[in-house]
Amino acid sequence: MEVGNSLQGDEVNSITEKQDGTLVVTVRITLKPTRDDDLIALVRAAPPRGLAGVIREAMRNGIGQDSDVSSQEFDLDLGGLGIEL
């Protein structure tokens, strides 16, 4: 059962706010070779079940064409990721 208010959304993208203020953001992103090589590498390097944390970190710190994703370490607290099934 979903608790909270839908702030915006459609079938693919949505933002839902829970009663405790947590935002659950769902998006579909298309990544194209050449244009998005850095992002494709980031997604492929994400640890199992850790993609949301990797994306959250990239949103906070940015990622550029010169980023070396393979050498980055992702300190993930899986209990704090807020993964919803």
Protein backbone atom coordinates (compact mmCIF):
# COMPACT_ATOMS: atom_id res chain seq x y z
CA MET A 1 0.00 0.00 0.00
CA GLU A 2 1.40 3.38 -1.00
CA VAL A 3 1.34 6.00 1.71
CA GLY A 4 1.73 9.66 0.86
CA ASN A 5 1.02 12.13 -1.86
CA SER A 6 1.92 11.86 -5.52
CA LEU A 7 3.65 15.13 -6.40
CA GLN A 8 3.90 14.46 -10.12
CA GLY A 9 3.98 11.43 -12.31
CA ASP A 10 2.87 9.29 -15.16
CA GLU A 11 3.26 5.60 -15.98
CA VAL A 12 7.07 5.72 -16.10
CA ASN A 13 8.17 8.68 -13.97
CA SER A 14 6.84 9.61 -10.58
CA ILE A 15 7.65 11.39 -7.36
CA THR A 16 5.79 10.26 -4.27
CA GLU A 17 6.18 11.82 -0.83
CA LYS A 18 5.67 9.60 2.17
CA GLN A 19 4.25 10.81 5.46
CA ASP A 20 7.74 11.04 6.98
CA GLY A 21 8.92 13.38 4.18
CA THR A 22 10.81 10.69 2.25
CA LEU A 23 10.62 11.15 -1.51
CA VAL A 24 10.41 8.06 -3.70
CA VAL A 25 11.55 9.02 -7.21
CA THR A 26 11.02 6.67 -10.14
CA VAL A 27 12.44 7.54 -13.58
CA ARG A 28 13.34 5.84 -16.82
CA ILE A 29 16.58 7.09 -18.34
CA THR A 30 17.81 6.22 -21.83
CA LEU A 31 21.61 6.25 -22.14
CA LYS A 32 23.12 6.40 -25.62
CA PRO A 33 26.63 5.23 -26.54
CA THR A 34 29.13 8.04 -27.15
CA ARG A 35 26.93 10.77 -25.68
CA ASP A 36 26.52 9.01 -22.33
CA ASP A 37 29.62 6.80 -22.11
CA ASP A 38 30.51 8.12 -18.65
CA LEU A 39 27.03 7.39 -17.32
CA ILE A 40 26.92 3.96 -18.97
CA ALA A 41 30.22 3.10 -17.25
CA LEU A 42 28.83 4.35 -13.94
CA VAL A 43 25.72 2.18 -14.22
CA ARG A 44 27.69 -0.88 -15.28
CA ALA A 45 30.14 -0.45 -12.40
CA ALA A 46 27.41 -0.23 -9.77
CA PRO A 47 27.47 -3.06 -7.23
CA PRO A 48 24.53 -5.47 -7.13
CA ARG A 49 21.48 -3.77 -5.62
CA GLY A 50 23.51 -0.57 -5.27
CA LEU A 51 22.47 1.40 -8.35
CA ALA A 52 20.30 3.87 -6.44
CA GLY A 53 23.16 4.73 -4.10
CA VAL A 54 25.58 5.19 -6.99
CA ILE A 55 23.12 7.46 -8.81
CA ARG A 56 22.46 9.43 -5.63
CA GLU A 57 26.21 9.96 -5.15
CA ALA A 58 26.64 11.03 -8.79
CA MET A 59 23.80 13.52 -8.38
CA ARG A 60 25.51 14.99 -5.31
CA ASN A 61 29.06 15.12 -6.66
CA GLY A 62 28.61 15.12 -10.43
CA ILE A 63 30.36 12.98 -12.96
CA GLY A 64 32.35 14.19 -15.93
CA GLN A 65 33.86 12.77 -19.08
CA ASP A 66 37.19 12.41 -17.26
CA SER A 67 35.78 10.41 -14.34
CA ASP A 68 37.35 7.00 -13.81
CA VAL A 69 34.39 4.98 -12.58
CA SER A 70 36.35 1.72 -12.36
CA SER A 71 38.62 3.14 -9.65
CA GLN A 72 35.87 4.69 -7.55
CA GLU A 73 34.81 3.06 -4.33
CA PHE A 74 31.17 3.27 -3.37
CA ASP A 75 30.61 3.22 0.37
CA LEU A 76 27.06 1.92 0.50
CA ASP A 77 25.03 1.36 3.62
CA LEU A 78 22.43 -0.95 2.12
CA GLY A 79 20.19 -0.56 5.15
CA GLY A 80 20.01 3.18 4.54
CA LEU A 81 19.33 3.03 0.80
CA GLY A 82 15.59 2.91 1.24
CA ILE A 83 15.20 0.18 -1.36
CA GLU A 84 11.59 -0.63 -1.92
CA LEU A 85 10.46 -3.89 -3.49
